[in-house]
Protein backbone atom coordinates (compact mmCIF):
# COMPACT_ATOMS: atom_id res chain seq x y z
CA UNK A 1 50.96 5.01 118.95
CA UNK A 2 50.47 8.70 119.61
CA UNK A 3 52.66 8.63 122.71
CA UNK A 4 55.40 6.72 120.87
CA UNK A 5 55.37 9.30 118.10
CA UNK A 6 55.38 12.05 120.70
CA UNK A 7 58.42 10.57 122.39
CA UNK A 8 60.32 10.26 119.12
CA UNK A 9 59.60 13.85 118.08
CA UNK A 10 60.49 15.24 121.50
CA UNK A 11 63.77 13.41 121.21
CA UNK A 12 64.37 15.02 117.81
CA UNK A 13 63.42 18.44 119.18
CA UNK A 14 65.13 17.92 122.53
CA UNK A 15 65.16 21.01 124.64
CA UNK A 16 61.36 21.29 124.73
CA UNK A 17 61.34 23.68 121.79
CA UNK A 18 63.05 26.48 123.65
CA UNK A 19 62.25 29.44 121.46
CA UNK A 20 63.72 32.93 121.97
CA UNK A 21 61.25 35.47 123.27
CA UNK A 22 57.47 35.49 123.21
CA UNK A 23 57.21 36.72 119.63
CA UNK A 24 60.18 35.08 117.99
CA UNK A 25 58.35 32.15 116.48
CA UNK A 26 55.00 30.56 116.34
CA UNK A 27 51.36 31.05 115.49
CA UNK A 28 47.97 29.71 116.45
CA UNK A 29 46.03 27.00 114.66
CA UNK A 30 42.40 26.42 115.45
CA UNK A 31 41.61 23.56 117.76
CA UNK A 32 40.15 20.55 116.06
CA UNK A 33 42.05 21.21 112.87
CA UNK A 34 42.44 18.01 110.82
CA UNK A 35 45.77 16.32 111.27
CA UNK A 36 48.45 17.59 108.96
CA UNK A 37 46.30 20.25 107.32
CA UNK A 38 48.12 23.48 106.60
CA UNK A 39 46.03 26.30 107.96
CA UNK A 40 44.21 28.07 105.09
CA UNK A 41 45.16 31.68 104.63
CA UNK A 42 48.47 31.36 106.43
CA UNK A 43 51.80 32.05 104.85
CA UNK A 44 50.60 29.29 102.80
CA UNK A 45 48.18 31.97 101.61
CA UNK A 46 50.89 32.33 99.22
CA UNK A 47 51.37 28.60 98.78
CA UNK A 48 50.10 26.99 95.65
CA UNK A 49 50.89 23.89 93.62
CA UNK A 50 49.39 21.45 91.19
CA UNK A 51 48.08 18.10 92.47
CA UNK A 52 50.70 15.41 92.86
CA UNK A 53 51.08 11.89 94.04
CA UNK A 54 51.77 11.85 97.76
CA UNK A 55 51.52 9.68 100.80
CA UNK A 56 48.28 9.59 102.80
CA UNK A 57 49.61 11.97 105.45
CA UNK A 58 50.27 14.60 102.78
CA UNK A 59 46.92 14.24 100.99
CA UNK A 60 45.17 16.87 103.13
CA UNK A 61 47.89 19.44 102.57
CA UNK A 62 48.10 18.83 98.82
CA UNK A 63 44.35 19.21 98.32
CA UNK A 64 44.44 22.57 100.06
CA UNK A 65 47.56 23.83 98.32
CA UNK A 66 46.42 22.79 94.83
CA UNK A 67 43.64 25.38 94.80
CA UNK A 68 46.08 28.30 94.37
CA UNK A 69 48.07 29.08 91.26
CA UNK A 70 49.13 32.71 91.64
CA UNK A 71 52.64 33.65 90.69
CA UNK A 72 54.89 35.46 93.14
CA UNK A 73 54.46 38.74 91.24
CA UNK A 74 50.67 38.35 91.24
CA UNK A 75 50.63 37.79 95.00
CA UNK A 76 52.89 40.82 95.56
CA UNK A 77 50.71 43.05 93.38
CA UNK A 78 47.49 41.87 95.00
CA UNK A 79 48.82 42.29 98.54
CA UNK A 80 50.26 45.74 97.87
CA UNK A 81 47.01 46.94 96.32
CA UNK A 82 45.11 45.46 99.24
CA UNK A 83 47.34 47.36 101.68
CA UNK A 84 46.57 50.68 99.97
CA UNK A 85 42.88 50.18 100.84
CA UNK A 86 43.63 49.42 104.49
CA UNK A 87 43.69 51.44 107.70
CA UNK A 88 44.79 50.56 111.23
CA UNK A 89 42.72 51.77 114.16
CA UNK A 90 43.61 51.78 117.84
CA UNK A 91 40.38 50.97 119.68
CA UNK A 92 39.18 51.56 123.25
CA UNK A 93 39.43 48.52 125.54
CA UNK A 94 35.63 48.22 125.67
CA UNK A 95 34.01 48.29 122.26
CA UNK A 96 30.86 47.32 120.40
CA UNK A 97 32.25 45.72 117.22
CA UNK A 98 28.97 45.98 115.29
CA UNK A 99 28.60 49.72 115.92
CA UNK A 100 32.22 50.39 114.98
CA UNK A 101 31.80 48.56 111.67
CA UNK A 102 28.50 50.33 111.01
CA UNK A 103 30.18 53.69 111.47
CA UNK A 104 33.11 52.80 109.22
CA UNK A 105 30.74 51.38 106.59
CA UNK A 106 29.23 54.84 106.16
CA UNK A 107 32.48 55.71 104.35
CA UNK A 108 32.50 52.67 102.10
CA UNK A 109 32.10 48.91 101.94
CA UNK A 110 34.39 46.95 104.27
CA UNK A 111 35.92 43.98 102.50
CA UNK A 112 37.59 42.39 105.52
CA UNK A 113 38.65 43.20 109.07
CA UNK A 114 40.19 41.65 112.16
CA UNK A 115 41.20 42.69 115.67
CA UNK A 116 44.48 41.99 117.43
CA UNK A 117 46.21 43.01 120.64
CA UNK A 118 49.55 44.80 120.75
CA UNK A 119 49.95 47.59 123.29
CA UNK A 120 46.16 47.79 123.25
CA UNK A 121 43.38 46.62 120.93
CA UNK A 122 43.80 47.39 117.22
CA UNK A 123 41.54 46.82 114.23
CA UNK A 124 42.76 46.35 110.67
CA UNK A 125 40.04 47.49 108.27
CA UNK A 126 40.27 46.77 104.55
CA UNK A 127 37.88 48.79 102.37
CA UNK A 128 36.71 47.68 98.94
CA UNK A 129 37.59 51.06 97.43
CA UNK A 130 40.62 53.26 98.07
CA UNK A 131 38.54 56.47 98.09
CA UNK A 132 36.78 55.23 101.25
CA UNK A 133 39.97 56.06 103.15
CA UNK A 134 39.92 59.65 101.91
CA UNK A 135 36.30 59.93 103.03
CA UNK A 136 37.20 58.59 106.48
CA UNK A 137 40.20 60.92 106.78
CA UNK A 138 37.98 63.92 106.03
CA UNK A 139 35.75 62.98 108.97
CA UNK A 140 38.56 62.53 111.50
CA UNK A 141 39.93 65.37 113.62
CA UNK A 142 43.45 66.15 114.74
CA UNK A 143 44.51 65.03 118.23
CA UNK A 144 44.35 67.48 121.10
CA UNK A 145 47.56 69.49 121.45
CA UNK A 146 47.06 70.54 125.10
CA UNK A 147 50.36 69.05 126.28
CA UNK A 148 52.29 68.37 123.07
CA UNK A 149 52.45 69.99 119.68
CA UNK A 150 51.41 67.49 117.03
CA UNK A 151 52.99 66.98 113.60
CA UNK A 152 50.05 67.31 111.20
CA UNK A 153 50.83 64.34 108.98
CA UNK A 154 47.59 62.49 108.18
CA UNK A 155 48.47 58.83 107.96
CA UNK A 156 46.23 55.77 107.89
CA UNK A 157 46.74 55.14 111.60
CA UNK A 158 43.75 56.29 113.64
CA UNK A 159 42.64 56.29 117.28
CA UNK A 160 38.96 55.78 118.06
CA UNK A 161 37.52 56.87 121.42
CA UNK A 162 34.10 56.58 123.01
CA UNK A 163 32.25 59.90 123.42
CA UNK A 164 30.31 58.56 126.42
CA UNK A 165 32.55 55.86 127.92
CA UNK A 166 30.21 54.90 130.76
CA UNK A 167 27.04 54.40 128.72
CA UNK A 168 28.79 53.00 125.65
CA UNK A 169 30.82 50.53 127.70
CA UNK A 170 27.56 48.81 128.65
CA UNK A 171 27.14 47.94 124.96
CA UNK A 172 30.51 46.21 124.84
CA UNK A 173 30.65 42.93 122.88
CA UNK A 174 33.39 40.28 123.07
CA UNK A 175 36.01 40.69 120.37
CA UNK A 176 37.70 37.82 118.56
CA UNK A 177 41.40 38.66 118.62
CA UNK A 178 43.65 37.31 115.89
CA UNK A 179 46.79 35.84 117.52
CA UNK A 180 50.08 37.37 116.40
CA UNK A 181 52.40 35.07 118.34
CA UNK A 182 52.83 31.36 118.89
CA UNK A 183 50.91 29.33 121.42
CA UNK A 184 52.67 28.60 124.73
CA UNK A 185 55.39 25.97 124.39
CA UNK A 186 53.58 23.71 126.87
CA UNK A 187 50.51 23.66 124.61
CA UNK A 188 52.66 23.00 121.58
CA UNK A 189 54.37 20.02 123.21
CA UNK A 190 50.96 18.67 124.25
CA UNK A 191 49.77 18.89 120.64
CA UNK A 192 52.90 17.13 119.42
CA UNK A 193 52.47 14.33 121.93
CA UNK A 194 48.91 13.67 120.79
CA UNK A 195 49.81 13.38 117.11
CA UNK A 196 49.87 9.88 115.67
CA UNK A 197 53.09 10.16 113.65
CA UNK A 198 56.23 12.24 113.30
CA UNK A 199 54.97 13.48 109.94
CA UNK A 200 51.84 14.81 111.62
CA UNK A 201 53.95 16.47 114.29
CA UNK A 202 56.01 18.23 111.66
CA UNK A 203 52.86 19.64 110.07
CA UNK A 204 51.63 20.77 113.49
CA UNK A 205 54.96 22.52 114.01
CA UNK A 206 54.53 24.24 110.64
CA UNK A 207 51.01 25.34 111.51
CA UNK A 208 52.09 26.83 114.82
CA UNK A 209 55.10 28.67 113.41
CA UNK A 210 54.04 29.97 110.00
CA UNK A 211 52.77 33.46 109.28
CA UNK A 212 49.01 33.82 109.33
CA UNK A 213 47.07 35.64 106.64
CA UNK A 214 46.33 38.42 109.14
CA UNK A 215 50.00 38.79 110.01
CA UNK A 216 50.94 39.00 106.33
CA UNK A 217 48.34 41.75 105.83
CA UNK A 218 49.91 43.72 108.67
CA UNK A 219 53.36 43.37 107.09
CA UNK A 220 52.20 44.71 103.76
CA UNK A 221 50.35 47.52 105.53
CA UNK A 222 53.55 48.66 107.27
CA UNK A 223 55.31 48.72 103.88
CA UNK A 224 52.43 50.74 102.46
CA UNK A 225 52.63 53.25 105.33
CA UNK A 226 56.37 53.72 104.74
CA UNK A 227 55.65 54.18 101.04
CA UNK A 228 53.34 57.09 101.91
CA UNK A 229 56.37 58.92 103.34
CA UNK A 230 58.69 57.97 100.48
CA UNK A 231 56.25 59.21 97.85
CA UNK A 232 56.43 62.71 99.27
CA UNK A 233 59.89 62.81 97.66
CA UNK A 234 59.65 60.04 95.05
CA UNK A 235 56.07 59.87 93.70
CA UNK A 236 56.66 56.80 91.49
CA UNK A 237 58.39 54.72 94.16
CA UNK A 238 56.97 51.71 95.98
CA UNK A 239 58.00 49.90 99.16
CA UNK A 240 57.93 46.11 98.92
CA UNK A 241 58.58 43.40 101.49
CA UNK A 242 61.08 40.65 100.73
CA UNK A 243 62.60 37.68 102.50
CA UNK A 244 60.73 35.71 105.15
CA UNK A 245 57.64 37.94 105.02
CA UNK A 246 56.87 36.81 101.46
CA UNK A 247 58.78 33.63 100.62
CA UNK A 248 56.39 31.27 102.56
CA UNK A 249 59.15 30.33 105.05
CA UNK A 250 58.55 33.16 107.52
CA UNK A 251 57.53 32.51 111.10
CA UNK A 252 55.51 34.70 113.42
CA UNK A 253 57.76 37.26 115.04
CA UNK A 254 60.30 37.52 112.23
CA UNK A 255 61.46 40.97 111.13
CA UNK A 256 59.91 42.82 108.20
CA UNK A 257 62.56 43.34 105.53
CA UNK A 258 61.46 45.90 102.95
CA UNK A 259 63.05 47.91 100.18
CA UNK A 260 62.33 51.18 98.45
CA UNK A 261 61.85 50.33 94.77
CA UNK A 262 62.33 52.82 91.92
CA UNK A 263 61.57 50.27 89.19
CA UNK A 264 58.45 52.12 88.05
CA UNK A 265 60.45 55.35 87.83
CA UNK A 266 63.05 53.63 85.64
CA UNK A 267 60.35 52.16 83.39
CA UNK A 268 58.87 55.64 82.96
CA UNK A 269 62.30 57.04 82.06
CA UNK A 270 62.79 54.33 79.43
CA UNK A 271 59.67 55.30 77.49
CA UNK A 272 60.36 57.11 74.27
CA UNK A 273 58.44 60.29 73.56
CA UNK A 274 57.05 61.17 70.16
CA UNK A 275 57.97 64.51 68.64
CA UNK A 276 61.06 66.36 67.45
CA UNK A 277 62.58 66.81 70.91
CA UNK A 278 64.03 64.60 73.61
CA UNK A 279 63.24 65.80 77.10
CA UNK A 280 64.37 64.61 80.49
CA UNK A 281 64.03 65.65 84.11
CA UNK A 282 66.73 67.69 85.75
CA UNK A 283 67.89 65.58 88.68
CA UNK A 284 70.62 65.71 91.26
CA UNK A 285 73.72 63.83 90.05
CA UNK A 286 75.90 61.98 92.52
CA UNK A 287 79.22 60.18 91.95
CA UNK A 288 78.00 56.71 93.01
CA UNK A 289 74.88 54.63 93.48
CA UNK A 290 75.94 53.90 97.05
CA UNK A 291 76.07 57.60 97.91
CA UNK A 292 72.63 58.12 96.36
CA UNK A 293 71.28 55.21 98.41
CA UNK A 294 72.76 56.65 101.61
CA UNK A 295 71.25 60.07 101.00
CA UNK A 296 67.82 58.65 100.13
CA UNK A 297 67.73 56.47 103.24
CA UNK A 298 68.98 59.32 105.40
CA UNK A 299 66.06 61.53 104.34
CA UNK A 300 63.44 58.78 104.59
CA UNK A 301 64.85 57.73 107.96
CA UNK A 302 64.59 61.29 109.26
CA UNK A 303 60.97 61.47 108.05
CA UNK A 304 60.06 58.26 109.86
CA UNK A 305 61.85 59.40 113.01
CA UNK A 306 60.41 62.93 113.12
CA UNK A 307 56.99 62.55 111.52
CA UNK A 308 56.07 58.86 111.38
CA UNK A 309 53.25 57.87 113.79
CA UNK A 310 54.23 54.67 115.58
CA UNK A 311 57.80 54.62 114.22
CA UNK A 312 60.27 54.52 117.11
CA UNK A 313 63.91 53.56 117.74
CA UNK A 314 64.89 54.66 114.23
CA UNK A 315 68.53 53.86 113.41
CA UNK A 316 70.20 54.93 110.17
CA UNK A 317 72.94 52.38 109.44
CA UNK A 318 74.25 54.04 106.30
CA UNK A 319 77.86 52.86 106.29
CA UNK A 320 77.01 49.16 106.33
CA UNK A 321 77.77 47.05 103.27
CA UNK A 322 74.09 47.29 102.48
CA UNK A 323 72.87 50.65 103.88
CA UNK A 324 69.57 50.45 105.72
CA UNK A 325 67.23 52.09 108.20
CA UNK A 326 66.08 50.03 111.18
CA UNK A 327 62.99 50.97 113.15
CA UNK A 328 60.27 49.55 115.36
CA UNK A 329 56.65 49.91 114.32
CA UNK A 330 54.81 50.12 117.64
CA UNK A 331 51.19 49.57 116.50
CA UNK A 332 52.05 46.21 114.88
CA UNK A 333 55.04 45.27 117.03
CA UNK A 334 57.27 44.62 114.00
CA UNK A 335 61.00 45.24 113.82
CA UNK A 336 61.63 46.63 110.34
CA UNK A 337 64.66 46.99 108.06
CA UNK A 338 64.39 49.34 105.06
CA UNK A 339 66.90 49.23 102.19
CA UNK A 340 66.88 50.49 98.59
CA UNK A 341 66.30 48.74 95.24
CA UNK A 342 67.22 45.20 96.29
CA UNK A 343 66.37 43.36 93.07
CA UNK A 344 68.48 40.35 93.99
CA UNK A 345 66.68 39.91 97.30
CA UNK A 346 63.22 39.97 95.75
CA UNK A 347 64.28 37.42 93.11
CA UNK A 348 65.73 35.20 95.82
CA UNK A 349 62.42 35.50 97.68
CA UNK A 350 60.57 34.42 94.55
CA UNK A 351 62.76 31.36 94.16
CA UNK A 352 62.03 30.18 97.71
CA UNK A 353 58.36 31.00 97.17
CA UNK A 354 58.30 28.65 94.18
CA UNK A 355 60.01 25.86 96.09
CA UNK A 356 57.64 26.31 99.02
CA UNK A 357 54.65 26.14 96.69
CA UNK A 358 55.63 23.02 94.77
CA UNK A 359 55.19 20.50 97.56
CA UNK A 360 53.73 20.74 101.05
CA UNK A 361 56.61 18.72 102.51
CA UNK A 362 59.18 21.38 101.61
CA UNK A 363 58.12 24.00 104.16
CA UNK A 364 57.31 21.43 106.83
CA UNK A 365 60.81 19.95 106.60
CA UNK A 366 62.47 23.38 106.62
CA UNK A 367 60.54 24.51 109.71
CA UNK A 368 61.42 21.32 111.57
CA UNK A 369 65.13 21.51 110.71
CA UNK A 370 65.24 25.17 111.74
CA UNK A 371 63.56 24.37 115.06
CA UNK A 372 66.00 21.53 115.68
CA UNK A 373 68.95 23.82 114.89
CA UNK A 374 67.68 26.59 117.18
CA UNK A 375 67.15 24.22 120.10
CA UNK A 376 70.73 22.98 119.77
CA UNK A 377 72.32 26.42 119.52
CA UNK A 378 73.34 26.18 115.87
CA UNK A 379 71.34 29.29 114.97
CA UNK A 380 70.54 32.43 116.91
CA UNK A 381 68.43 35.54 116.38
CA UNK A 382 71.26 37.70 117.74
CA UNK A 383 73.60 38.91 114.96
CA UNK A 384 76.86 37.01 114.96
CA UNK A 385 78.81 34.17 113.39
CA UNK A 386 76.06 31.56 113.40
CA UNK A 387 74.79 29.10 110.87
CA UNK A 388 71.91 31.08 109.36
CA UNK A 389 68.34 29.98 108.73
CA UNK A 390 68.96 30.77 105.08
CA UNK A 391 71.88 28.34 104.91
CA UNK A 392 69.79 25.61 106.57
CA UNK A 393 66.99 26.27 104.09
CA UNK A 394 69.44 25.94 101.19
CA UNK A 395 70.70 22.66 102.63
CA UNK A 396 67.13 21.33 102.77
CA UNK A 397 66.49 22.44 99.17
CA UNK A 398 69.64 20.73 97.95
CA UNK A 399 68.74 17.56 99.84
CA UNK A 400 65.24 17.52 98.30
CA UNK A 401 66.71 18.03 94.82
CA UNK A 402 68.80 14.90 95.27
CA UNK A 403 66.00 12.53 96.30
CA UNK A 404 65.08 9.73 93.93
CA UNK A 405 62.90 10.88 92.31
CA UNK A 406 63.64 14.56 93.12
CA UNK A 407 60.98 16.46 95.09
CA UNK A 408 61.91 19.91 93.72
CA UNK A 409 63.72 20.86 90.48
CA UNK A 410 67.13 22.43 90.09
CA UNK A 411 67.57 26.03 89.01
CA UNK A 412 68.77 24.93 85.58
CA UNK A 413 65.51 23.03 85.14
CA UNK A 414 63.50 26.07 86.22
CA UNK A 415 65.51 28.21 83.81
CA UNK A 416 64.69 25.89 80.90
CA UNK A 417 60.97 26.46 81.54
CA UNK A 418 61.30 30.26 81.54
CA UNK A 419 59.65 32.20 78.72
CA UNK A 420 60.31 35.70 77.46
CA UNK A 421 58.49 37.47 80.30
CA UNK A 422 60.66 35.59 82.82
CA UNK A 423 63.92 36.84 81.34
CA UNK A 424 65.84 38.95 83.82
CA UNK A 425 69.45 40.13 83.96
CA UNK A 426 70.72 41.74 87.18
CA UNK A 427 74.19 43.19 87.32
CA UNK A 428 75.15 41.34 84.14
CA UNK A 429 74.02 37.96 85.46
CA UNK A 430 71.17 35.92 84.03
CA UNK A 431 68.65 35.46 86.85
CA UNK A 432 65.86 33.99 84.73
CA UNK A 433 63.62 31.16 85.89
CA UNK A 434 60.01 30.21 85.34
CA UNK A 435 57.38 32.09 87.33
CA UNK A 436 54.29 30.11 86.26
CA UNK A 437 53.98 27.20 88.67
CA UNK A 438 51.66 25.26 86.36
CA UNK A 439 54.61 24.74 83.98
CA UNK A 440 56.58 22.84 86.61
CA UNK A 441 56.03 19.09 86.55
CA UNK A 442 54.88 17.62 89.84
CA UNK A 443 57.08 15.10 91.56
CA UNK A 444 56.16 11.43 91.79
CA UNK A 445 58.09 11.11 95.05
CA UNK A 446 55.79 9.86 97.85
CA UNK A 447 58.22 9.73 100.79
CA UNK A 448 56.72 10.76 104.10
CA UNK A 449 58.12 13.59 106.18
CA UNK A 450 59.52 11.36 108.92
CA UNK A 451 61.55 9.47 106.31
CA UNK A 452 62.80 12.72 104.81
CA UNK A 453 63.79 14.10 108.21
CA UNK A 454 65.78 10.99 109.11
CA UNK A 455 67.45 10.88 105.70
CA UNK A 456 68.30 14.60 105.93
CA UNK A 457 70.27 13.90 109.10
CA UNK A 458 71.96 10.90 107.50
CA UNK A 459 72.81 12.78 104.30
CA UNK A 460 74.56 15.68 105.99
CA UNK A 461 76.07 13.50 108.67
CA UNK A 462 77.99 11.75 105.90
CA UNK A 463 78.44 14.75 103.60
CA UNK A 464 82.08 15.45 102.69
CA UNK A 465 82.10 19.19 103.36
CA UNK A 466 85.85 19.42 102.76
CA UNK A 467 85.58 18.23 99.14
CA UNK A 468 82.04 19.03 98.02
CA UNK A 469 79.83 22.09 97.91
CA UNK A 470 76.10 22.60 97.61
CA UNK A 471 74.88 23.93 94.28
CA UNK A 472 71.15 24.42 93.67
CA UNK A 473 71.73 25.05 89.99
CA UNK A 474 73.14 21.69 88.93
CA UNK A 475 71.96 18.15 89.50
CA UNK A 476 75.33 16.95 90.75
CA UNK A 477 77.64 17.80 93.59
CA UNK A 478 80.27 20.45 92.89
CA UNK A 479 83.85 20.15 94.02
CA UNK A 480 85.20 23.02 96.05
CA UNK A 481 87.60 23.76 93.21
CA UNK A 482 84.59 25.23 91.40
CA UNK A 483 83.87 27.81 94.06
CA UNK A 484 85.21 30.70 91.97
CA UNK A 485 83.05 29.83 88.99
CA UNK A 486 79.57 31.23 88.39
CA UNK A 487 77.23 28.82 90.16
CA UNK A 488 73.98 30.82 90.15
CA UNK A 489 72.80 30.68 93.75
CA UNK A 490 74.78 29.48 96.69
CA UNK A 491 77.45 27.23 98.03
CA UNK A 492 77.49 25.73 101.46
CA UNK A 493 80.97 24.53 102.16
CA UNK A 494 83.75 23.99 104.58
CA UNK A 495 87.14 25.18 103.41
CA UNK A 496 90.57 25.95 104.82
CA UNK A 497 91.14 29.59 105.64
CA UNK A 498 93.86 31.63 107.23
CA UNK A 499 92.24 31.23 110.63
CA UNK A 500 91.37 27.54 110.35
CA UNK A 501 88.36 25.65 109.11
CA UNK A 502 85.25 27.77 108.58
CA UNK A 503 81.67 27.11 107.57
CA UNK A 504 80.95 29.28 104.54
CA UNK A 505 77.73 30.28 102.86
CA UNK A 506 78.69 32.06 99.66
CA UNK A 507 76.30 33.70 97.19
CA UNK A 508 77.30 33.64 93.54
CA UNK A 509 75.93 34.92 90.23
CA UNK A 510 72.86 36.98 90.78
CA UNK A 511 70.52 35.06 93.06
CA UNK A 512 72.34 34.25 96.20
CA UNK A 513 72.41 34.02 99.93
CA UNK A 514 71.59 37.24 101.71
CA UNK A 515 73.33 38.41 104.82
CA UNK A 516 71.27 39.76 107.69
CA UNK A 517 70.99 43.18 106.07
CA UNK A 518 71.13 42.54 102.36
CA UNK A 519 72.84 40.81 99.49
CA UNK A 520 76.22 41.24 97.86
CA UNK A 521 78.23 39.29 95.32
CA UNK A 522 80.90 36.88 96.53
CA UNK A 523 80.63 37.84 100.19
CA UNK A 524 81.14 34.83 102.48
CA UNK A 525 79.29 34.35 105.73
CA UNK A 526 81.16 32.31 108.31
CA UNK A 527 80.31 30.29 111.34
CA UNK A 528 83.14 29.39 113.71
CA UNK A 529 84.63 25.91 113.68
CA UNK A 530 82.99 24.88 117.00
CA UNK A 531 79.58 25.18 115.32
CA UNK A 532 80.75 23.07 112.40
CA UNK A 533 82.21 20.48 114.73
CA UNK A 534 78.89 20.41 116.56
CA UNK A 535 76.68 20.21 113.45
CA UNK A 536 77.95 16.96 111.92
CA UNK A 537 77.88 14.82 115.11
CA UNK A 538 74.40 16.19 115.92
CA UNK A 539 72.90 15.17 112.58
CA UNK A 540 74.46 11.73 112.89
CA UNK A 541 73.12 11.39 116.43
CA UNK A 542 69.58 12.26 115.40
CA UNK A 543 69.75 9.99 112.40
CA UNK A 544 70.57 7.19 114.85
CA UNK A 545 67.63 8.18 117.09
CA UNK A 546 65.32 8.20 114.09
CA UNK A 547 66.45 4.71 113.07
CA UNK A 548 65.85 3.44 116.58
């Protein structure tokens, strides 16, 4: 049975899961993990849902997911506060873990810690109190400036060295290193072949790809470190991650998208002051928001480039549609993109977070479809005219909305459940939907993942892209004639253009598809016709394989 399932899945993921680069995708699950169980504390650390009826293969996942009920905003707040109490330490190759922790504990209680390897051994240390970091910083000296002159910016990145390397090395203890990349493909295929069903294989794939709790902590820490620079100029600002780092659909190795948020500053400005006078700050006035964004990013980018420990390859891409600063964070190995005040992107992240939390099958199906698409050259990590992972995710969401009974609700249904605190208007568009997951009724759909995967291929193999579009807001298909109306999130369509047939992913009314570097209203993303011509026959082919 296991080998038959293995053969079927390897047919579906033909190409032996060829993944780009050692850190592009993946993760590490513990050996002996129960079949189908989503690893606790992974990007599912953010996953939460109420109990629901499900098939036996989903029971393990649902029991684990049902224990968490935090809203997206609660998770963001908790993670950001956690990051402010965290430091990152580069350690010597030979280290006594107990003695290191004892030394650090003299500055305050350590709430959690882990070690990982990236250009050397690093330790992430989370203190229980923020003032422990100040105590530690007071006890740490500046690096020797014998060869280079140092920039005296005291960050939360430290280097620990042994005073007596020879004698202290004898006290070395083995360190448990938290993996930050996927297991070798050969091991992954072996795991898939030993699973007893395709559904189990899809959960294994999810476990090996998804972000771990440790990796998520590192992502929030990088945002917090960038915030330390930004607050030198903008004391009320914050830096928040968005996209795959927070929406529960991220995979190990994905970039860290973050944005500089002035929301707290705006809230402060909106407060009315008592007394006979109105007072306001004198601030620089610029002719456009875009120009202000470019100037802010230019200054922050220069700070990261000139003074930021571990920040290398800084590129200021200020004339792009969505201005941003790209940089590599060497201690963590992350590629980072920094933009400004991207409210649409964070709301889009919350929507996917909700869908990923409602049912354990949602993320497992998305990860499998993305893997299948990557293996067959439909998507690519290199910027270009590809079908994007976001578009594939939207296609999966739309498919799951149209099951009988539906597995996830439409946006209109989520909007009906919204209360006053969920009301949000961005750029004149109503982007309100419920944030409290306990208000969302659980599905009674019990279809297994292998059935859903096969039906996904069948559905889009027979989908009339020339007449219909995908609309996550409504329950029914939309004709392409509606594409200029306000549809709320996104359309996935094929339409005639001046250069021939194109595959479009268009974001409309507020919450929408993001391009690689940001979000904009009514901006289409295209994939060339050869990809479209390849997509439909492929899904039909794999539907046939699944039936066989």
